[in-house]
């Protein structure tokens, strides 16, 4: 269904080498707050074609993914990502906040690995 999103947060393990592949010629991994490695995969519901997103950082806590295999433009934002550290703020939960918002109707899967 368009707009459906699946998000998985994973702790690294010995069996998880951390090698990720993505769109040709683009970095498939968005690294936020110096420790969270985020990848995106998407499937075009019209064609069934699958691809990986191309990461575009906007700063230490934000970035976006483009889908150049679908759009032909590696700089065209499709899914925005933001992370906030509230680790030193107990009143805000004392943890990390993760936000994402699609700018597309293509279903996608985000994987977040805390290194």
C-alpha atoms as a PDB file:
ATOM      1  CA  UNK A   1       0.000   0.000   0.000  1.00  0.00           C
ATOM      2  CA  UNK A   2       1.485   3.426  -0.910  1.00  0.00           C
ATOM      3  CA  UNK A   3       3.018   5.203   2.042  1.00  0.00           C
ATOM      4  CA  UNK A   4       3.506   2.056   4.146  1.00  0.00           C
ATOM      5  CA  UNK A   5       6.762   2.199   6.075  1.00  0.00           C
ATOM      6  CA  UNK A   6       8.760  -0.431   7.908  1.00  0.00           C
ATOM      7  CA  UNK A   7      11.504   0.670  10.313  1.00  0.00           C
ATOM      8  CA  UNK A   8      13.947  -1.752  11.939  1.00  0.00           C
ATOM      9  CA  UNK A   9      16.470  -0.774  14.628  1.00  0.00           C
ATOM     10  CA  UNK A  10      19.300  -3.314  14.926  1.00  0.00           C
ATOM     11  CA  UNK A  11      22.154  -3.690  17.376  1.00  0.00           C
ATOM     12  CA  UNK A  12      25.314  -4.910  15.600  1.00  0.00           C
ATOM     13  CA  UNK A  13      26.311  -8.526  16.137  1.00  0.00           C
ATOM     14  CA  UNK A  14      29.277 -10.710  15.236  1.00  0.00           C
ATOM     15  CA  UNK A  15      27.314 -12.124  12.287  1.00  0.00           C
ATOM     16  CA  UNK A  16      26.553  -8.661  10.932  1.00  0.00           C
ATOM     17  CA  UNK A  17      29.588  -7.380   9.016  1.00  0.00           C
ATOM     18  CA  UNK A  18      28.152  -3.918   8.368  1.00  0.00           C
ATOM     19  CA  UNK A  19      28.847  -4.053   4.637  1.00  0.00           C
ATOM     20  CA  UNK A  20      25.915  -2.528   2.820  1.00  0.00           C
ATOM     21  CA  UNK A  21      25.326  -2.084  -0.902  1.00  0.00           C
ATOM     22  CA  UNK A  22      23.136   0.446  -2.651  1.00  0.00           C
ATOM     23  CA  UNK A  23      22.531   2.567  -5.691  1.00  0.00           C
ATOM     24  CA  UNK A  24      25.396   2.528  -8.164  1.00  0.00           C
ATOM     25  CA  UNK A  25      27.780   5.452  -7.730  1.00  0.00           C
ATOM     26  CA  UNK A  26      26.094   6.737  -4.573  1.00  0.00           C
ATOM     27  CA  UNK A  27      26.700   6.166  -0.890  1.00  0.00           C
ATOM     28  CA  UNK A  28      23.903   3.916   0.358  1.00  0.00           C
ATOM     29  CA  UNK A  29      24.582   4.624   4.050  1.00  0.00           C
ATOM     30  CA  UNK A  30      23.503   7.760   5.887  1.00  0.00           C
ATOM     31  CA  UNK A  31      25.525   8.168   9.098  1.00  0.00           C
ATOM     32  CA  UNK A  32      23.855  10.365  11.714  1.00  0.00           C
ATOM     33  CA  UNK A  33      25.146  11.555  15.092  1.00  0.00           C
ATOM     34  CA  UNK A  34      28.400   9.757  14.289  1.00  0.00           C
ATOM     35  CA  UNK A  35      27.030   6.323  15.208  1.00  0.00           C
ATOM     36  CA  UNK A  36      23.740   5.486  13.481  1.00  0.00           C
ATOM     37  CA  UNK A  37      24.083   3.873  10.049  1.00  0.00           C
ATOM     38  CA  UNK A  38      20.850   4.113   8.070  1.00  0.00           C
ATOM     39  CA  UNK A  39      19.990   2.418   4.786  1.00  0.00           C
ATOM     40  CA  UNK A  40      16.830   2.489   2.723  1.00  0.00           C
ATOM     41  CA  UNK A  41      15.324   0.023   0.274  1.00  0.00           C
ATOM     42  CA  UNK A  42      12.213   0.718  -1.782  1.00  0.00           C
ATOM     43  CA  UNK A  43       9.895  -1.064  -4.182  1.00  0.00           C
ATOM     44  CA  UNK A  44       7.991   0.728  -6.911  1.00  0.00           C
ATOM     45  CA  UNK A  45       4.435  -0.649  -6.607  1.00  0.00           C
ATOM     46  CA  UNK A  46       3.722   0.145 -10.262  1.00  0.00           C
ATOM     47  CA  UNK A  47       6.577  -1.919 -11.669  1.00  0.00           C
ATOM     48  CA  UNK A  48       7.653  -4.155  -8.748  1.00  0.00           C
ATOM     49  CA  UNK A  49      11.228  -2.884  -9.241  1.00  0.00           C
ATOM     50  CA  UNK A  50      13.382  -2.795  -6.087  1.00  0.00           C
ATOM     51  CA  UNK A  51      16.294  -0.470  -5.331  1.00  0.00           C
ATOM     52  CA  UNK A  52      18.395   0.978  -2.536  1.00  0.00           C
ATOM     53  CA  UNK A  53      18.340   4.660  -1.646  1.00  0.00           C
ATOM     54  CA  UNK A  54      21.244   7.032  -2.135  1.00  0.00           C
ATOM     55  CA  UNK A  55      22.158   8.860   1.098  1.00  0.00           C
ATOM     56  CA  UNK A  56      22.602  12.633   1.111  1.00  0.00           C
ATOM     57  CA  UNK A  57      23.762  14.060   4.481  1.00  0.00           C
ATOM     58  CA  UNK A  58      22.594  17.545   5.468  1.00  0.00           C
ATOM     59  CA  UNK A  59      24.552  17.764   8.719  1.00  0.00           C
ATOM     60  CA  UNK A  60      25.420  15.595  11.715  1.00  0.00           C
ATOM     61  CA  UNK A  61      21.787  14.876  12.603  1.00  0.00           C
ATOM     62  CA  UNK A  62      19.882  15.058   9.326  1.00  0.00           C
ATOM     63  CA  UNK A  63      19.851  13.939   5.743  1.00  0.00           C
ATOM     64  CA  UNK A  64      17.711  12.411   3.073  1.00  0.00           C
ATOM     65  CA  UNK A  65      17.571   9.531   0.666  1.00  0.00           C
ATOM     66  CA  UNK A  66      17.047   9.869  -3.058  1.00  0.00           C
ATOM     67  CA  UNK A  67      15.966   7.053  -5.349  1.00  0.00           C
ATOM     68  CA  UNK A  68      18.044   7.688  -8.478  1.00  0.00           C
ATOM     69  CA  UNK A  69      17.198   4.293  -9.972  1.00  0.00           C
ATOM     70  CA  UNK A  70      13.570   5.476 -10.104  1.00  0.00           C
ATOM     71  CA  UNK A  71      13.976   9.220 -10.715  1.00  0.00           C
ATOM     72  CA  UNK A  72      17.339   9.467 -12.472  1.00  0.00           C
ATOM     73  CA  UNK A  73      18.378  12.213 -10.025  1.00  0.00           C
ATOM     74  CA  UNK A  74      20.631  11.387  -7.048  1.00  0.00           C
ATOM     75  CA  UNK A  75      20.017  14.844  -5.524  1.00  0.00           C
ATOM     76  CA  UNK A  76      16.183  14.638  -5.571  1.00  0.00           C
ATOM     77  CA  UNK A  77      14.916  14.116  -1.974  1.00  0.00           C
ATOM     78  CA  UNK A  78      12.442  11.266  -1.447  1.00  0.00           C
ATOM     79  CA  UNK A  79      12.682  10.395   2.292  1.00  0.00           C
ATOM     80  CA  UNK A  80      13.852  12.895   4.919  1.00  0.00           C
ATOM     81  CA  UNK A  81      15.621  11.616   8.080  1.00  0.00           C
ATOM     82  CA  UNK A  82      16.397  13.439  11.342  1.00  0.00           C
ATOM     83  CA  UNK A  83      17.886  12.198  14.622  1.00  0.00           C
ATOM     84  CA  UNK A  84      18.057  14.048  17.914  1.00  0.00           C
ATOM     85  CA  UNK A  85      20.139  13.068  20.919  1.00  0.00           C
ATOM     86  CA  UNK A  86      18.271  13.460  24.189  1.00  0.00           C
ATOM     87  CA  UNK A  87      20.757  11.153  25.926  1.00  0.00           C
ATOM     88  CA  UNK A  88      21.730  13.871  28.426  1.00  0.00           C
ATOM     89  CA  UNK A  89      18.166  15.096  28.955  1.00  0.00           C
ATOM     90  CA  UNK A  90      16.264  12.715  31.256  1.00  0.00           C
ATOM     91  CA  UNK A  91      13.086  14.804  31.011  1.00  0.00           C
ATOM     92  CA  UNK A  92      13.064  14.087  27.245  1.00  0.00           C
ATOM     93  CA  UNK A  93      13.493  10.352  27.682  1.00  0.00           C
ATOM     94  CA  UNK A  94      17.278  10.153  27.916  1.00  0.00           C
ATOM     95  CA  UNK A  95      17.554   8.382  24.567  1.00  0.00           C
ATOM     96  CA  UNK A  96      17.703   9.114  20.823  1.00  0.00           C
ATOM     97  CA  UNK A  97      14.778  10.327  18.751  1.00  0.00           C
ATOM     98  CA  UNK A  98      14.426   9.166  15.156  1.00  0.00           C
ATOM     99  CA  UNK A  99      12.178  10.920  12.640  1.00  0.00           C
ATOM    100  CA  UNK A 100      11.500  10.114   9.006  1.00  0.00           C
ATOM    101  CA  UNK A 101       9.030  11.458   6.512  1.00  0.00           C
ATOM    102  CA  UNK A 102       8.367  10.338   2.943  1.00  0.00           C
ATOM    103  CA  UNK A 103       8.100  12.781   0.070  1.00  0.00           C
ATOM    104  CA  UNK A 104       6.906   9.929  -2.148  1.00  0.00           C
ATOM    105  CA  UNK A 105       4.154   7.329  -2.343  1.00  0.00           C
ATOM    106  CA  UNK A 106       6.685   4.517  -2.854  1.00  0.00           C
ATOM    107  CA  UNK A 107       6.814   2.055   0.090  1.00  0.00           C
ATOM    108  CA  UNK A 108      10.232   1.871   1.705  1.00  0.00           C
ATOM    109  CA  UNK A 109      12.122   0.012   4.406  1.00  0.00           C
ATOM    110  CA  UNK A 110      14.602   1.803   6.674  1.00  0.00           C
ATOM    111  CA  UNK A 111      17.274  -0.079   8.587  1.00  0.00           C
ATOM    112  CA  UNK A 112      19.033   1.712  11.432  1.00  0.00           C
ATOM    113  CA  UNK A 113      22.168   0.168  12.946  1.00  0.00           C
ATOM    114  CA  UNK A 114      23.582   1.685  16.137  1.00  0.00           C
ATOM    115  CA  UNK A 115      27.329   1.200  15.978  1.00  0.00           C
END
